Structures are given as structure tokens and as C-alpha cells.
PDB file of N, CA and C in Angstrom:
ATOM      1  N   MET A   1     -27.359  -7.492  55.906  1.00  0.00           N
ATOM      2  CA  MET A   1     -26.512  -6.455  55.368  1.00  0.00           C
ATOM      3  C   MET A   1     -26.856  -6.270  53.893  1.00  0.00           C
ATOM      4  N   ALA A   2     -27.013  -5.040  53.493  1.00  0.00           N
ATOM      5  CA  ALA A   2     -27.389  -4.726  52.113  1.00  0.00           C
ATOM      6  C   ALA A   2     -26.158  -4.791  51.212  1.00  0.00           C
ATOM      7  N   LYS A   3     -26.370  -5.247  50.017  1.00  0.00           N
ATOM      8  CA  LYS A   3     -25.279  -5.305  49.043  1.00  0.00           C
ATOM      9  C   LYS A   3     -25.420  -4.135  48.087  1.00  0.00           C
ATOM     10  N   TYR A   4     -24.286  -3.514  47.779  1.00  0.00           N
ATOM     11  CA  TYR A   4     -24.277  -2.370  46.884  1.00  0.00           C
ATOM     12  C   TYR A   4     -23.439  -2.687  45.662  1.00  0.00           C
ATOM     13  N   SER A   5     -23.893  -2.221  44.562  1.00  0.00           N
ATOM     14  CA  SER A   5     -23.070  -2.351  43.355  1.00  0.00           C
ATOM     15  C   SER A   5     -22.146  -1.149  43.277  1.00  0.00           C
ATOM     16  N   GLU A   6     -21.107  -1.270  42.489  1.00  0.00           N
ATOM     17  CA  GLU A   6     -20.155  -0.167  42.338  1.00  0.00           C
ATOM     18  C   GLU A   6     -20.831   1.085  41.805  1.00  0.00           C
ATOM     19  N   ASP A   7     -21.778   0.923  40.938  1.00  0.00           N
ATOM     20  CA  ASP A   7     -22.443   2.062  40.316  1.00  0.00           C
ATOM     21  C   ASP A   7     -23.342   2.818  41.284  1.00  0.00           C
ATOM     22  N   SER A   8     -23.759   2.183  42.367  1.00  0.00           N
ATOM     23  CA  SER A   8     -24.652   2.876  43.296  1.00  0.00           C
ATOM     24  C   SER A   8     -23.933   3.995  44.046  1.00  0.00           C
ATOM     25  N   PHE A   9     -22.605   3.974  44.093  1.00  0.00           N
ATOM     26  CA  PHE A   9     -21.845   5.009  44.772  1.00  0.00           C
ATOM     27  C   PHE A   9     -21.430   6.142  43.831  1.00  0.00           C
ATOM     28  N   ARG A  10     -21.613   5.964  42.563  1.00  0.00           N
ATOM     29  CA  ARG A  10     -21.187   6.960  41.578  1.00  0.00           C
ATOM     30  C   ARG A  10     -22.303   7.947  41.309  1.00  0.00           C
ATOM     31  N   ARG A  11     -21.907   9.187  41.180  1.00  0.00           N
ATOM     32  CA  ARG A  11     -22.855  10.212  40.766  1.00  0.00           C
ATOM     33  C   ARG A  11     -22.765  10.350  39.258  1.00  0.00           C
ATOM     34  N   ASN A  12     -23.677  11.069  38.679  1.00  0.00           N
ATOM     35  CA  ASN A  12     -23.709  11.224  37.218  1.00  0.00           C
ATOM     36  C   ASN A  12     -22.500  11.980  36.693  1.00  0.00           C
ATOM     37  N   ASP A  13     -21.935  12.883  37.492  1.00  0.00           N
ATOM     38  CA  ASP A  13     -20.808  13.679  37.004  1.00  0.00           C
ATOM     39  C   ASP A  13     -19.453  13.070  37.341  1.00  0.00           C
ATOM     40  N   ASP A  14     -19.421  11.889  37.935  1.00  0.00           N
ATOM     41  CA  ASP A  14     -18.155  11.211  38.228  1.00  0.00           C
ATOM     42  C   ASP A  14     -17.561  10.643  36.945  1.00  0.00           C
ATOM     43  N   ILE A  15     -16.232  10.634  36.891  1.00  0.00           N
ATOM     44  CA  ILE A  15     -15.555  10.044  35.740  1.00  0.00           C
ATOM     45  C   ILE A  15     -14.534   9.034  36.251  1.00  0.00           C
ATOM     46  N   THR A  16     -14.134   8.151  35.379  1.00  0.00           N
ATOM     47  CA  THR A  16     -13.153   7.146  35.765  1.00  0.00           C
ATOM     48  C   THR A  16     -11.763   7.778  35.813  1.00  0.00           C
ATOM     49  N   ILE A  17     -10.835   7.070  36.417  1.00  0.00           N
ATOM     50  CA  ILE A  17      -9.455   7.562  36.489  1.00  0.00           C
ATOM     51  C   ILE A  17      -8.879   7.688  35.085  1.00  0.00           C
ATOM     52  N   LYS A  18      -9.177   6.731  34.215  1.00  0.00           N
ATOM     53  CA  LYS A  18      -8.686   6.796  32.831  1.00  0.00           C
ATOM     54  C   LYS A  18      -9.180   8.059  32.140  1.00  0.00           C
ATOM     55  N   GLN A  19     -10.458   8.359  32.308  1.00  0.00           N
ATOM     56  CA  GLN A  19     -11.014   9.565  31.702  1.00  0.00           C
ATOM     57  C   GLN A  19     -10.371  10.822  32.279  1.00  0.00           C
ATOM     58  N   ALA A  20     -10.108  10.810  33.577  1.00  0.00           N
ATOM     59  CA  ALA A  20      -9.485  11.966  34.228  1.00  0.00           C
ATOM     60  C   ALA A  20      -8.062  12.180  33.713  1.00  0.00           C
ATOM     61  N   VAL A  21      -7.297  11.092  33.571  1.00  0.00           N
ATOM     62  CA  VAL A  21      -5.924  11.205  33.061  1.00  0.00           C
ATOM     63  C   VAL A  21      -5.940  11.671  31.612  1.00  0.00           C
ATOM     64  N   ASP A  22      -6.837  11.114  30.805  1.00  0.00           N
ATOM     65  CA  ASP A  22      -6.951  11.553  29.404  1.00  0.00           C
ATOM     66  C   ASP A  22      -7.275  13.037  29.319  1.00  0.00           C
ATOM     67  N   LYS A  23      -8.192  13.493  30.152  1.00  0.00           N
ATOM     68  CA  LYS A  23      -8.561  14.908  30.151  1.00  0.00           C
ATOM     69  C   LYS A  23      -7.382  15.773  30.591  1.00  0.00           C
ATOM     70  N   LEU A  24      -6.648  15.323  31.594  1.00  0.00           N
ATOM     71  CA  LEU A  24      -5.474  16.054  32.071  1.00  0.00           C
ATOM     72  C   LEU A  24      -4.424  16.178  30.976  1.00  0.00           C
ATOM     73  N   LEU A  25      -4.156  15.083  30.265  1.00  0.00           N
ATOM     74  CA  LEU A  25      -3.174  15.102  29.184  1.00  0.00           C
ATOM     75  C   LEU A  25      -3.592  16.059  28.074  1.00  0.00           C
ATOM     76  N   ASP A  26      -4.878  16.100  27.787  1.00  0.00           N
ATOM     77  CA  ASP A  26      -5.366  16.992  26.726  1.00  0.00           C
ATOM     78  C   ASP A  26      -5.345  18.452  27.165  1.00  0.00           C
ATOM     79  N   VAL A  27      -5.799  18.731  28.371  1.00  0.00           N
ATOM     80  CA  VAL A  27      -5.885  20.113  28.850  1.00  0.00           C
ATOM     81  C   VAL A  27      -4.501  20.753  28.938  1.00  0.00           C
ATOM     82  N   TYR A  28      -3.536  20.013  29.449  1.00  0.00           N
ATOM     83  CA  TYR A  28      -2.186  20.558  29.611  1.00  0.00           C
ATOM     84  C   TYR A  28      -1.279  20.285  28.406  1.00  0.00           C
ATOM     85  N   ARG A  29      -1.867  19.757  27.331  1.00  0.00           N
ATOM     86  CA  ARG A  29      -1.143  19.467  26.082  1.00  0.00           C
ATOM     87  C   ARG A  29       0.085  18.591  26.307  1.00  0.00           C
ATOM     88  N   LEU A  30      -0.115  17.542  27.082  1.00  0.00           N
ATOM     89  CA  LEU A  30       0.972  16.622  27.409  1.00  0.00           C
ATOM     90  C   LEU A  30       0.846  15.285  26.683  1.00  0.00           C
ATOM     91  N   ARG A  31      -0.229  15.099  25.949  1.00  0.00           N
ATOM     92  CA  ARG A  31      -0.468  13.790  25.329  1.00  0.00           C
ATOM     93  C   ARG A  31       0.676  13.362  24.414  1.00  0.00           C
ATOM     94  N   ARG A  32       1.162  14.238  23.557  1.00  0.00           N
ATOM     95  CA  ARG A  32       2.241  13.883  22.622  1.00  0.00           C
ATOM     96  C   ARG A  32       3.496  13.464  23.380  1.00  0.00           C
ATOM     97  N   LYS A  33       3.876  14.222  24.389  1.00  0.00           N
ATOM     98  CA  LYS A  33       5.067  13.893  25.172  1.00  0.00           C
ATOM     99  C   LYS A  33       4.864  12.573  25.915  1.00  0.00           C
ATOM    100  N   PHE A  34       3.665  12.354  26.434  1.00  0.00           N
ATOM    101  CA  PHE A  34       3.339  11.104  27.114  1.00  0.00           C
ATOM    102  C   PHE A  34       3.480   9.917  26.159  1.00  0.00           C
ATOM    103  N   GLU A  35       2.970  10.057  24.946  1.00  0.00           N
ATOM    104  CA  GLU A  35       3.066   8.981  23.954  1.00  0.00           C
ATOM    105  C   GLU A  35       4.508   8.743  23.540  1.00  0.00           C
ATOM    106  N   GLU A  36       5.286   9.818  23.374  1.00  0.00           N
ATOM    107  CA  GLU A  36       6.703   9.661  23.023  1.00  0.00           C
ATOM    108  C   GLU A  36       7.455   8.932  24.125  1.00  0.00           C
ATOM    109  N   THR A  37       7.187   9.276  25.361  1.00  0.00           N
ATOM    110  CA  THR A  37       7.836   8.614  26.490  1.00  0.00           C
ATOM    111  C   THR A  37       7.425   7.152  26.580  1.00  0.00           C
ATOM    112  N   SER A  38       6.177   6.855  26.281  1.00  0.00           N
ATOM    113  CA  SER A  38       5.732   5.459  26.337  1.00  0.00           C
ATOM    114  C   SER A  38       6.405   4.632  25.244  1.00  0.00           C
ATOM    115  N   ILE A  39       6.703   5.242  24.096  1.00  0.00           N
ATOM    116  CA  ILE A  39       7.417   4.529  23.029  1.00  0.00           C
ATOM    117  C   ILE A  39       8.838   4.202  23.475  1.00  0.00           C
ATOM    118  N   VAL A  40       9.506   5.176  24.081  1.00  0.00           N
ATOM    119  CA  VAL A  40      10.874   4.953  24.557  1.00  0.00           C
ATOM    120  C   VAL A  40      10.880   3.843  25.602  1.00  0.00           C
ATOM    121  N   THR A  41       9.896   3.850  26.483  1.00  0.00           N
ATOM    122  CA  THR A  41       9.802   2.823  27.531  1.00  0.00           C
ATOM    123  C   THR A  41       9.511   1.446  26.928  1.00  0.00           C
ATOM    124  N   ALA A  42       8.703   1.402  25.893  1.00  0.00           N
ATOM    125  CA  ALA A  42       8.309   0.130  25.278  1.00  0.00           C
ATOM    126  C   ALA A  42       9.270  -0.323  24.183  1.00  0.00           C
ATOM    127  N   TRP A  43      10.377   0.360  23.975  1.00  0.00           N
ATOM    128  CA  TRP A  43      11.320   0.030  22.907  1.00  0.00           C
ATOM    129  C   TRP A  43      11.722  -1.448  22.908  1.00  0.00           C
ATOM    130  N   PRO A  44      12.089  -2.046  24.051  1.00  0.00           N
ATOM    131  CA  PRO A  44      12.447  -3.476  24.024  1.00  0.00           C
ATOM    132  C   PRO A  44      11.299  -4.365  23.543  1.00  0.00           C
ATOM    133  N   GLU A  45      10.082  -4.027  23.911  1.00  0.00           N
ATOM    134  CA  GLU A  45       8.918  -4.793  23.488  1.00  0.00           C
ATOM    135  C   GLU A  45       8.667  -4.628  21.987  1.00  0.00           C
ATOM    136  N   LEU A  46       8.910  -3.442  21.464  1.00  0.00           N
ATOM    137  CA  LEU A  46       8.642  -3.159  20.061  1.00  0.00           C
ATOM    138  C   LEU A  46       9.697  -3.756  19.128  1.00  0.00           C
ATOM    139  N   ILE A  47      10.950  -3.741  19.538  1.00  0.00           N
ATOM    140  CA  ILE A  47      12.051  -4.101  18.641  1.00  0.00           C
ATOM    141  C   ILE A  47      12.721  -5.417  19.029  1.00  0.00           C
ATOM    142  N   GLY A  48      12.555  -5.838  20.260  1.00  0.00           N
ATOM    143  CA  GLY A  48      13.201  -7.053  20.742  1.00  0.00           C
ATOM    144  C   GLY A  48      14.373  -6.723  21.654  1.00  0.00           C
ATOM    145  N   ASN A  49      14.640  -7.606  22.590  1.00  0.00           N
ATOM    146  CA  ASN A  49      15.680  -7.357  23.603  1.00  0.00           C
ATOM    147  C   ASN A  49      17.088  -7.314  23.021  1.00  0.00           C
ATOM    148  N   ALA A  50      17.361  -8.110  22.008  1.00  0.00           N
ATOM    149  CA  ALA A  50      18.722  -8.159  21.451  1.00  0.00           C
ATOM    150  C   ALA A  50      19.144  -6.788  20.914  1.00  0.00           C
ATOM    151  N   ILE A  51      18.277  -6.149  20.171  1.00  0.00           N
ATOM    152  CA  ILE A  51      18.606  -4.827  19.623  1.00  0.00           C
ATOM    153  C   ILE A  51      18.444  -3.752  20.693  1.00  0.00           C
ATOM    154  N   ALA A  52      17.428  -3.874  21.531  1.00  0.00           N
ATOM    155  CA  ALA A  52      17.188  -2.871  22.577  1.00  0.00           C
ATOM    156  C   ALA A  52      18.363  -2.782  23.544  1.00  0.00           C
ATOM    157  N   ASN A  53      18.992  -3.909  23.836  1.00  0.00           N
ATOM    158  CA  ASN A  53      20.144  -3.896  24.748  1.00  0.00           C
ATOM    159  C   ASN A  53      21.349  -3.194  24.133  1.00  0.00           C
ATOM    160  N   ARG A  54      21.394  -3.125  22.828  1.00  0.00           N
ATOM    161  CA  ARG A  54      22.515  -2.468  22.149  1.00  0.00           C
ATOM    162  C   ARG A  54      22.178  -1.042  21.696  1.00  0.00           C
ATOM    163  N   THR A  55      20.991  -0.586  22.077  1.00  0.00           N
ATOM    164  CA  THR A  55      20.580   0.780  21.765  1.00  0.00           C
ATOM    165  C   THR A  55      21.145   1.703  22.830  1.00  0.00           C
ATOM    166  N   GLN A  56      21.923   2.683  22.410  1.00  0.00           N
ATOM    167  CA  GLN A  56      22.547   3.600  23.356  1.00  0.00           C
ATOM    168  C   GLN A  56      21.659   4.790  23.662  1.00  0.00           C
ATOM    169  N   GLN A  57      20.909   5.257  22.681  1.00  0.00           N
ATOM    170  CA  GLN A  57      20.074   6.437  22.864  1.00  0.00           C
ATOM    171  C   GLN A  57      18.862   6.333  21.955  1.00  0.00           C
ATOM    172  N   ILE A  58      17.719   6.774  22.466  1.00  0.00           N
ATOM    173  CA  ILE A  58      16.490   6.803  21.666  1.00  0.00           C
ATOM    174  C   ILE A  58      15.681   8.023  22.097  1.00  0.00           C
ATOM    175  N   TYR A  59      15.236   8.785  21.108  1.00  0.00           N
ATOM    176  CA  TYR A  59      14.363   9.917  21.405  1.00  0.00           C
ATOM    177  C   TYR A  59      13.560  10.289  20.168  1.00  0.00           C
ATOM    178  N   ILE A  60      12.490  11.036  20.390  1.00  0.00           N
ATOM    179  CA  ILE A  60      11.617  11.471  19.302  1.00  0.00           C
ATOM    180  C   ILE A  60      11.587  12.988  19.314  1.00  0.00           C
ATOM    181  N   LYS A  61      11.771  13.562  18.122  1.00  0.00           N
ATOM    182  CA  LYS A  61      11.728  15.013  17.988  1.00  0.00           C
ATOM    183  C   LYS A  61      11.121  15.341  16.631  1.00  0.00           C
ATOM    184  N   GLU A  62      10.075  16.144  16.636  1.00  0.00           N
ATOM    185  CA  GLU A  62       9.413  16.587  15.414  1.00  0.00           C
ATOM    186  C   GLU A  62       9.026  15.427  14.491  1.00  0.00           C
ATOM    187  N   LYS A  63       8.373  14.440  15.045  1.00  0.00           N
ATOM    188  CA  LYS A  63       7.889  13.250  14.334  1.00  0.00           C
ATOM    189  C   LYS A  63       9.015  12.413  13.722  1.00  0.00           C
ATOM    190  N   LYS A  64      10.210  12.543  14.267  1.00  0.00           N
ATOM    191  CA  LYS A  64      11.349  11.737  13.818  1.00  0.00           C
ATOM    192  C   LYS A  64      11.856  10.930  15.002  1.00  0.00           C
ATOM    193  N   LEU A  65      12.027   9.631  14.782  1.00  0.00           N
ATOM    194  CA  LEU A  65      12.549   8.733  15.806  1.00  0.00           C
ATOM    195  C   LEU A  65      14.049   8.590  15.583  1.00  0.00           C
ATOM    196  N   PHE A  66      14.826   9.020  16.565  1.00  0.00           N
ATOM    197  CA  PHE A  66      16.278   8.962  16.493  1.00  0.00           C
ATOM    198  C   PHE A  66      16.780   7.812  17.349  1.00  0.00           C
ATOM    199  N   ILE A  67      17.660   6.998  16.776  1.00  0.00           N
ATOM    200  CA  ILE A  67      18.231   5.840  17.472  1.00  0.00           C
ATOM    201  C   ILE A  67      19.739   5.868  17.310  1.00  0.00           C
ATOM    202  N   ARG A  68      20.445   5.667  18.406  1.00  0.00           N
ATOM    203  CA  ARG A  68      21.906   5.515  18.359  1.00  0.00           C
ATOM    204  C   ARG A  68      22.229   4.102  18.847  1.00  0.00           C
ATOM    205  N   VAL A  69      22.912   3.349  17.993  1.00  0.00           N
ATOM    206  CA  VAL A  69      23.317   1.983  18.340  1.00  0.00           C
ATOM    207  C   VAL A  69      24.830   1.856  18.252  1.00  0.00           C
ATOM    208  N   GLU A  70      25.351   0.810  18.877  1.00  0.00           N
ATOM    209  CA  GLU A  70      26.800   0.672  19.002  1.00  0.00           C
ATOM    210  C   GLU A  70      27.465  -0.104  17.870  1.00  0.00           C
ATOM    211  N   SER A  71      26.704  -0.829  17.099  1.00  0.00           N
ATOM    212  CA  SER A  71      27.347  -1.689  16.110  1.00  0.00           C
ATOM    213  C   SER A  71      26.854  -1.396  14.692  1.00  0.00           C
ATOM    214  N   ALA A  72      27.763  -1.500  13.738  1.00  0.00           N
ATOM    215  CA  ALA A  72      27.437  -1.266  12.334  1.00  0.00           C
ATOM    216  C   ALA A  72      26.464  -2.323  11.814  1.00  0.00           C
ATOM    217  N   GLY A  73      26.603  -3.539  12.307  1.00  0.00           N
ATOM    218  CA  GLY A  73      25.695  -4.613  11.881  1.00  0.00           C
ATOM    219  C   GLY A  73      24.259  -4.343  12.288  1.00  0.00           C
ATOM    220  N   ILE A  74      24.087  -3.829  13.483  1.00  0.00           N
ATOM    221  CA  ILE A  74      22.740  -3.506  13.951  1.00  0.00           C
ATOM    222  C   ILE A  74      22.196  -2.298  13.196  1.00  0.00           C
ATOM    223  N   LYS A  75      23.065  -1.331  12.896  1.00  0.00           N
ATOM    224  CA  LYS A  75      22.630  -0.178  12.097  1.00  0.00           C
ATOM    225  C   LYS A  75      22.083  -0.642  10.754  1.00  0.00           C
ATOM    226  N   ASN A  76      22.791  -1.574  10.133  1.00  0.00           N
ATOM    227  CA  ASN A  76      22.363  -2.104   8.842  1.00  0.00           C
ATOM    228  C   ASN A  76      21.030  -2.840   8.966  1.00  0.00           C
ATOM    229  N   GLU A  77      20.891  -3.644  10.007  1.00  0.00           N
ATOM    230  CA  GLU A  77      19.648  -4.381  10.228  1.00  0.00           C
ATOM    231  C   GLU A  77      18.476  -3.422  10.456  1.00  0.00           C
ATOM    232  N   LEU A  78      18.702  -2.380  11.266  1.00  0.00           N
ATOM    233  CA  LEU A  78      17.654  -1.392  11.523  1.00  0.00           C
ATOM    234  C   LEU A  78      17.284  -0.630  10.248  1.00  0.00           C
ATOM    235  N   ALA A  79      18.277  -0.327   9.423  1.00  0.00           N
ATOM    236  CA  ALA A  79      18.018   0.381   8.173  1.00  0.00           C
ATOM    237  C   ALA A  79      17.115  -0.446   7.260  1.00  0.00           C
ATOM    238  N   MET A  80      17.321  -1.759   7.225  1.00  0.00           N
ATOM    239  CA  MET A  80      16.492  -2.628   6.395  1.00  0.00           C
ATOM    240  C   MET A  80      15.077  -2.768   6.946  1.00  0.00           C
ATOM    241  N   MET A  81      14.926  -2.597   8.271  1.00  0.00           N
ATOM    242  CA  MET A  81      13.622  -2.741   8.928  1.00  0.00           C
ATOM    243  C   MET A  81      12.930  -1.391   9.141  1.00  0.00           C
ATOM    244  N   ARG A  82      13.410  -0.351   8.529  1.00  0.00           N
ATOM    245  CA  ARG A  82      12.946   1.020   8.771  1.00  0.00           C
ATOM    246  C   ARG A  82      11.418   1.156   8.719  1.00  0.00           C
ATOM    247  N   ARG A  83      10.797   0.719   7.648  1.00  0.00           N
ATOM    248  CA  ARG A  83       9.334   0.843   7.493  1.00  0.00           C
ATOM    249  C   ARG A  83       8.581   0.010   8.536  1.00  0.00           C
ATOM    250  N   GLN A  84       9.081  -1.182   8.821  1.00  0.00           N
ATOM    251  CA  GLN A  84       8.437  -2.034   9.822  1.00  0.00           C
ATOM    252  C   GLN A  84       8.485  -1.384  11.205  1.00  0.00           C
ATOM    253  N   ILE A  85       9.607  -0.773  11.537  1.00  0.00           N
ATOM    254  CA  ILE A  85       9.759  -0.137  12.843  1.00  0.00           C
ATOM    255  C   ILE A  85       8.810   1.048  12.965  1.00  0.00           C
ATOM    256  N   ILE A  86       8.727   1.873  11.935  1.00  0.00           N
ATOM    257  CA  ILE A  86       7.798   3.011  11.955  1.00  0.00           C
ATOM    258  C   ILE A  86       6.368   2.502  12.127  1.00  0.00           C
ATOM    259  N   GLY A  87       6.027   1.445  11.415  1.00  0.00           N
ATOM    260  CA  GLY A  87       4.688   0.860  11.529  1.00  0.00           C
ATOM    261  C   GLY A  87       4.403   0.330  12.922  1.00  0.00           C
ATOM    262  N   ARG A  88       5.352  -0.370  13.526  1.00  0.00           N
ATOM    263  CA  ARG A  88       5.169  -0.903  14.882  1.00  0.00           C
ATOM    264  C   ARG A  88       4.982   0.206  15.904  1.00  0.00           C
ATOM    265  N   VAL A  89       5.793   1.246  15.780  1.00  0.00           N
ATOM    266  CA  VAL A  89       5.723   2.360  16.727  1.00  0.00           C
ATOM    267  C   VAL A  89       4.374   3.057  16.619  1.00  0.00           C
ATOM    268  N   ASN A  90       3.939   3.354  15.416  1.00  0.00           N
ATOM    269  CA  ASN A  90       2.655   4.026  15.227  1.00  0.00           C
ATOM    270  C   ASN A  90       1.484   3.139  15.641  1.00  0.00           C
ATOM    271  N   GLU A  91       1.602   1.848  15.399  1.00  0.00           N
ATOM    272  CA  GLU A  91       0.566   0.913  15.811  1.00  0.00           C
ATOM    273  C   GLU A  91       0.478   0.841  17.336  1.00  0.00           C
ATOM    274  N   TYR A  92       1.621   0.897  18.001  1.00  0.00           N
ATOM    275  CA  TYR A  92       1.658   0.844  19.473  1.00  0.00           C
ATOM    276  C   TYR A  92       0.890   2.023  20.077  1.00  0.00           C
ATOM    277  N   VAL A  93       1.050   3.203  19.487  1.00  0.00           N
ATOM    278  CA  VAL A  93       0.391   4.404  20.003  1.00  0.00           C
ATOM    279  C   VAL A  93      -1.057   4.492  19.525  1.00  0.00           C
ATOM    280  N   GLY A  94      -1.319   3.999  18.334  1.00  0.00           N
ATOM    281  CA  GLY A  94      -2.678   4.021  17.806  1.00  0.00           C
ATOM    282  C   GLY A  94      -2.917   5.065  16.743  1.00  0.00           C
ATOM    283  N   HIS A  95      -1.915   5.868  16.449  1.00  0.00           N
ATOM    284  CA  HIS A  95      -1.998   6.856  15.368  1.00  0.00           C
ATOM    285  C   HIS A  95      -0.582   7.234  14.954  1.00  0.00           C
ATOM    286  N   VAL A  96      -0.464   8.057  13.928  1.00  0.00           N
ATOM    287  CA  VAL A  96       0.860   8.407  13.396  1.00  0.00           C
ATOM    288  C   VAL A  96       1.535   9.409  14.324  1.00  0.00           C
ATOM    289  N   ILE A  97       2.626   8.980  14.935  1.00  0.00           N
ATOM    290  CA  ILE A  97       3.420   9.868  15.792  1.00  0.00           C
ATOM    291  C   ILE A  97       4.843   9.967  15.254  1.00  0.00           C
ATOM    292  N   VAL A  98       5.256   8.962  14.465  1.00  0.00           N
ATOM    293  CA  VAL A  98       6.599   8.935  13.877  1.00  0.00           C
ATOM    294  C   VAL A  98       6.459   8.817  12.364  1.00  0.00           C
ATOM    295  N   GLU A  99       7.114   9.721  11.639  1.00  0.00           N
ATOM    296  CA  GLU A  99       7.082   9.662  10.184  1.00  0.00           C
ATOM    297  C   GLU A  99       8.435   9.284   9.601  1.00  0.00           C
ATOM    298  N   GLU A 100       9.518   9.561  10.342  1.00  0.00           N
ATOM    299  CA  GLU A 100      10.859   9.219   9.874  1.00  0.00           C
ATOM    300  C   GLU A 100      11.604   8.454  10.967  1.00  0.00           C
ATOM    301  N   PHE A 101      12.557   7.641  10.527  1.00  0.00           N
ATOM    302  CA  PHE A 101      13.385   6.848  11.426  1.00  0.00           C
ATOM    303  C   PHE A 101      14.834   7.135  11.072  1.00  0.00           C
ATOM    304  N   ILE A 102      15.574   7.722  12.004  1.00  0.00           N
ATOM    305  CA  ILE A 102      16.946   8.145  11.730  1.00  0.00           C
ATOM    306  C   ILE A 102      17.887   7.378  12.654  1.00  0.00           C
ATOM    307  N   ILE A 103      18.881   6.729  12.059  1.00  0.00           N
ATOM    308  CA  ILE A 103      19.876   5.967  12.815  1.00  0.00           C
ATOM    309  C   ILE A 103      21.124   6.812  12.938  1.00  0.00           C
ATOM    310  N   LEU A 104      21.547   7.049  14.154  1.00  0.00           N
ATOM    311  CA  LEU A 104      22.722   7.881  14.410  1.00  0.00           C
ATOM    312  C   LEU A 104      23.968   7.033  14.558  1.00  0.00           C
TER     313      LEU A 104
END
């Protein structure tokens, strides 16, 4: 029985699934929304479970990250960490997607 490598089945014009998804996001101009949604999904990983569990609402609009939390103590803590949070979020995506951090 002959052994085949993965590349022997690929034609020159074939692309990977990652490349296809990237192209789809670019063609339909969905990349920004996709990145914003991935930030909301990764919020516990970015900020920690203790604060994420007390976050009532999170969304991004016009390069501003809006957060609603239930406690004044957490609001104060988030306010002190404002620059770090913006840095973590932008680092997670790989480029600047958030310029302001607003606590509601």
C-alpha cells in the first residue's frame, strides 16, 4: 500500500481553513466585530474570574470598552487598572481595538 503525504492531495490553489476564514472575515468586513466578540468571550481570561463574575455587562462601541459592574469597590479597582486592561485587551487581539475604557 502506498503512503501519501497530506500535501500530495492539495492543489496549488487550495487554501487552509484558517486562510479561508480570514478571507471571509475581510471580504464581508466582519473582522472587527469578530475581534470584539472574542474579547467579550475572553473577558474572564483577560481580567480574572473574580471580577468577571461580577461583571454585569460588557460591550465595545467605537473603540471604547464599556463595562458595568455591581460593586463600587470593583469599579474603583477597575479604574486604577484602566491602562493595564486596555493593554491586555489590545495585546489579546494583536492590534489596537480599544482606546478608551469606560466603567458604567
